[in-house]
Amino acid sequence: MKVIEFLLLIAVCNGLPVDIPKAPQLLLPIPNINRLAIKGDPNHITHHAIVIWNKVDSGDPGNPIIGYKLKVWEIPKIKRTVYKTQGGKVVRVLEESFPELYIYTNEIPNGVPKEIVTQTDETAATIREMYDDVLYQLAVQAFTAEGDGPLSVPVRVRFGKSKDRTKEDLLGKKETVYK
């Protein structure tokens, strides 16, 4: 009987998915994000960010760098349930908060990033339509005809909501007064 259970266990384990191999990354130099310039008008809902990075060389004349990919992920808020006491009763409250703004890892976020592709001589790109109260993670990578290089160290950015602005201000229906 134990032999049958063992064979069944092997058969089940062989049918389970194993880590899917990723496409190998080329050994290209890693570009670094040097500067982030924010462009925006306080009377508009969206912002623009200009990301500037350093140019890198593949070191292989037969496989030169043909461009860069700036990847932009929207990082969702972390939701958690907290129990608090209010008026002598325990109340369940759903709280939302952003992950850390400063990160110390090259972990790639879940989801499909927005991707901006530039030519090899361009070391800057503009990200359009960035919104208030959204956390973005940015990274850049060089690529050649053979594939993509590694991602740069990620940078996170978030635009906060101004307490002085109202929805009418954002839609341009009312003059904004900043204190």
Protein backbone atom coordinates (compact mmCIF):
# COMPACT_ATOMS: atom_id res chain seq x y z
CA MET A 1 0.00 0.00 0.00
CA LYS A 2 2.84 2.38 0.83
CA VAL A 3 4.34 1.78 -2.61
CA ILE A 4 1.07 2.85 -4.26
CA GLU A 5 0.92 6.01 -2.13
CA PHE A 6 4.53 6.79 -3.01
CA LEU A 7 3.88 6.32 -6.73
CA LEU A 8 0.74 8.46 -6.48
CA LEU A 9 2.74 11.20 -4.72
CA ILE A 10 5.37 11.14 -7.48
CA ALA A 11 2.68 11.29 -10.18
CA VAL A 12 0.97 14.26 -8.51
CA CYS A 13 4.25 16.11 -7.96
CA ASN A 14 5.27 15.64 -11.59
CA GLY A 15 2.03 17.33 -12.69
CA LEU A 16 2.53 20.41 -10.52
CA PRO A 17 4.00 23.52 -12.11
CA VAL A 18 7.57 24.30 -11.22
CA ASP A 19 9.26 27.68 -11.44
CA ILE A 20 8.90 28.87 -15.01
CA PRO A 21 12.31 29.87 -16.36
CA LYS A 22 12.57 33.55 -17.27
CA ALA A 23 14.23 34.81 -20.41
CA PRO A 24 17.93 35.27 -19.66
CA GLN A 25 19.02 38.86 -19.18
CA LEU A 26 21.97 40.11 -21.13
CA LEU A 27 25.05 41.23 -19.29
CA LEU A 28 24.63 44.88 -20.18
CA PRO A 29 25.61 47.83 -18.02
CA ILE A 30 22.81 49.15 -15.83
CA PRO A 31 21.69 52.72 -16.49
CA ASN A 32 21.04 54.82 -13.39
CA ILE A 33 18.22 57.31 -12.98
CA ASN A 34 20.03 60.58 -12.29
CA ARG A 35 17.24 63.11 -12.09
CA LEU A 36 13.49 63.37 -11.89
CA ALA A 37 11.87 66.67 -12.87
CA ILE A 38 8.20 67.20 -12.10
CA LYS A 39 6.06 69.29 -14.41
CA GLY A 40 2.54 70.12 -13.39
CA ASP A 41 0.01 72.86 -13.02
CA PRO A 42 -1.81 73.11 -9.67
CA ASN A 43 -5.07 73.65 -11.58
CA HIS A 44 -4.86 70.36 -13.45
CA ILE A 45 -5.52 66.83 -12.30
CA THR A 46 -2.43 65.21 -13.82
CA HIS A 47 1.30 65.73 -13.56
CA HIS A 48 4.18 64.94 -15.89
CA ALA A 49 7.58 63.64 -14.81
CA ILE A 50 10.75 63.88 -16.86
CA VAL A 51 13.12 61.03 -16.03
CA ILE A 52 16.81 61.41 -16.94
CA TRP A 53 19.36 58.58 -16.83
CA ASN A 54 22.98 58.02 -17.83
CA LYS A 55 23.94 56.56 -21.21
CA VAL A 56 25.56 53.12 -21.17
CA ASP A 57 27.56 51.16 -23.76
CA SER A 58 27.23 47.41 -24.35
CA GLY A 59 30.97 47.02 -24.95
CA ASP A 60 30.17 44.71 -27.87
CA PRO A 61 30.34 46.35 -31.35
CA GLY A 62 28.39 43.40 -32.77
CA ASN A 63 25.53 43.93 -30.30
CA PRO A 64 25.20 47.67 -29.60
CA ILE A 65 22.57 49.21 -27.37
CA ILE A 66 19.70 50.31 -29.59
CA GLY A 67 17.55 52.00 -26.97
CA TYR A 68 16.18 52.22 -23.46
CA LYS A 69 12.92 51.18 -21.83
CA LEU A 70 11.52 53.28 -19.02
CA LYS A 71 9.08 51.15 -17.05
CA VAL A 72 6.40 52.67 -14.81
CA TRP A 73 4.36 50.62 -12.35
CA GLU A 74 1.44 51.85 -10.27
CA ILE A 75 1.92 50.43 -6.77
CA PRO A 76 -1.43 49.65 -5.08
CA LYS A 77 -2.20 50.62 -1.52
CA ILE A 78 -1.90 47.96 1.16
CA LYS A 79 -5.27 47.08 2.66
CA ARG A 80 -5.54 45.66 6.13
CA THR A 81 -8.27 45.09 8.67
CA VAL A 82 -7.78 46.67 12.09
CA TYR A 83 -10.00 46.21 15.12
CA LYS A 84 -10.56 49.30 17.27
CA THR A 85 -12.74 50.10 20.23
CA GLN A 86 -15.32 52.84 19.81
CA GLY A 87 -17.85 53.58 22.53
CA GLY A 88 -17.05 50.36 24.35
CA LYS A 89 -17.58 48.21 21.24
CA VAL A 90 -15.02 46.52 19.03
CA VAL A 91 -15.32 47.82 15.49
CA ARG A 92 -13.70 46.39 12.38
CA VAL A 93 -12.03 49.10 10.26
CA LEU A 94 -10.45 48.69 6.82
CA GLU A 95 -7.29 50.82 6.53
CA GLU A 96 -5.34 51.61 3.37
CA SER A 97 -1.76 52.81 3.27
CA PHE A 98 1.02 53.05 0.75
CA PRO A 99 4.05 50.78 0.84
CA GLU A 100 7.35 52.38 1.74
CA LEU A 101 8.33 55.30 -0.48
CA TYR A 102 12.01 54.50 -0.03
CA ILE A 103 12.85 50.99 -1.15
CA TYR A 104 16.02 49.01 -0.71
CA THR A 105 15.37 46.18 -3.11
CA ASN A 106 15.20 45.59 -6.85
CA GLU A 107 11.95 43.64 -6.50
CA ILE A 108 9.76 44.01 -9.57
CA PRO A 109 6.16 44.94 -8.74
CA ASN A 110 3.22 42.83 -9.83
CA GLY A 111 1.30 43.92 -12.88
CA VAL A 112 2.19 45.10 -16.33
CA PRO A 113 4.15 48.35 -16.38
CA LYS A 114 3.59 51.26 -18.71
CA GLU A 115 6.63 51.22 -21.01
CA ILE A 116 8.24 54.17 -22.77
CA VAL A 117 10.87 53.25 -25.37
CA THR A 118 13.58 55.66 -26.49
CA GLN A 119 16.38 55.53 -29.05
CA THR A 120 19.99 54.91 -28.03
CA ASP A 121 20.93 58.62 -28.11
CA GLU A 122 17.99 59.65 -25.87
CA THR A 123 18.58 59.48 -22.14
CA ALA A 124 15.36 61.13 -20.98
CA ALA A 125 11.66 60.42 -21.27
CA THR A 126 8.46 62.10 -20.14
CA ILE A 127 5.83 60.17 -18.23
CA ARG A 128 2.45 61.77 -18.84
CA GLU A 129 -0.77 61.53 -16.86
CA MET A 130 0.52 60.85 -13.38
CA TYR A 131 -2.16 61.36 -10.75
CA ASP A 132 -2.35 62.61 -7.17
CA ASP A 133 -2.34 60.03 -4.40
CA VAL A 134 -0.89 57.25 -6.59
CA LEU A 135 2.48 55.64 -5.86
CA TYR A 136 4.62 54.99 -8.95
CA GLN A 137 7.76 52.89 -9.26
CA LEU A 138 10.17 53.75 -12.09
CA ALA A 139 13.09 51.81 -13.53
CA VAL A 140 15.04 51.98 -16.78
CA GLN A 141 16.89 49.33 -18.77
CA ALA A 142 19.03 49.26 -21.89
CA PHE A 143 18.27 46.84 -24.69
CA THR A 144 19.97 45.45 -27.78
CA ALA A 145 18.76 43.41 -30.74
CA GLU A 146 19.43 40.30 -28.65
CA GLY A 147 17.34 41.32 -25.64
CA ASP A 148 16.95 43.44 -22.52
CA GLY A 149 19.53 44.24 -19.89
CA PRO A 150 18.87 44.42 -16.15
CA LEU A 151 16.63 47.09 -14.63
CA SER A 152 18.11 50.08 -12.85
CA VAL A 153 17.69 50.64 -9.14
CA PRO A 154 14.00 51.58 -8.82
CA VAL A 155 12.76 55.01 -7.82
CA ARG A 156 9.35 55.66 -6.27
CA VAL A 157 7.38 58.88 -6.54
CA ARG A 158 3.96 60.01 -5.30
CA PHE A 159 2.10 63.27 -5.72
CA GLY A 160 0.20 64.26 -2.61
CA LYS A 161 -3.16 65.95 -2.58
CA SER A 162 -3.15 69.58 -1.55
CA LYS A 163 -5.55 70.30 1.30
CA ASP A 164 -6.28 73.72 -0.19
CA ARG A 165 -7.51 72.36 -3.52
CA THR A 166 -11.04 71.26 -4.18
CA LYS A 167 -12.51 69.22 -7.03
CA GLU A 168 -13.70 72.47 -8.61
CA ASP A 169 -10.12 73.78 -8.44
CA LEU A 170 -8.82 70.70 -10.22
CA LEU A 171 -11.39 71.04 -12.97
CA GLY A 172 -10.53 74.71 -13.43
CA LYS A 173 -13.94 76.02 -12.38
CA LYS A 174 -12.68 77.99 -9.41
CA GLU A 175 -9.58 80.03 -8.69
CA THR A 176 -7.12 78.22 -6.44
CA VAL A 177 -5.85 80.04 -3.39
CA TYR A 178 -2.79 78.60 -1.66
CA LYS A 179 -2.15 79.55 1.93
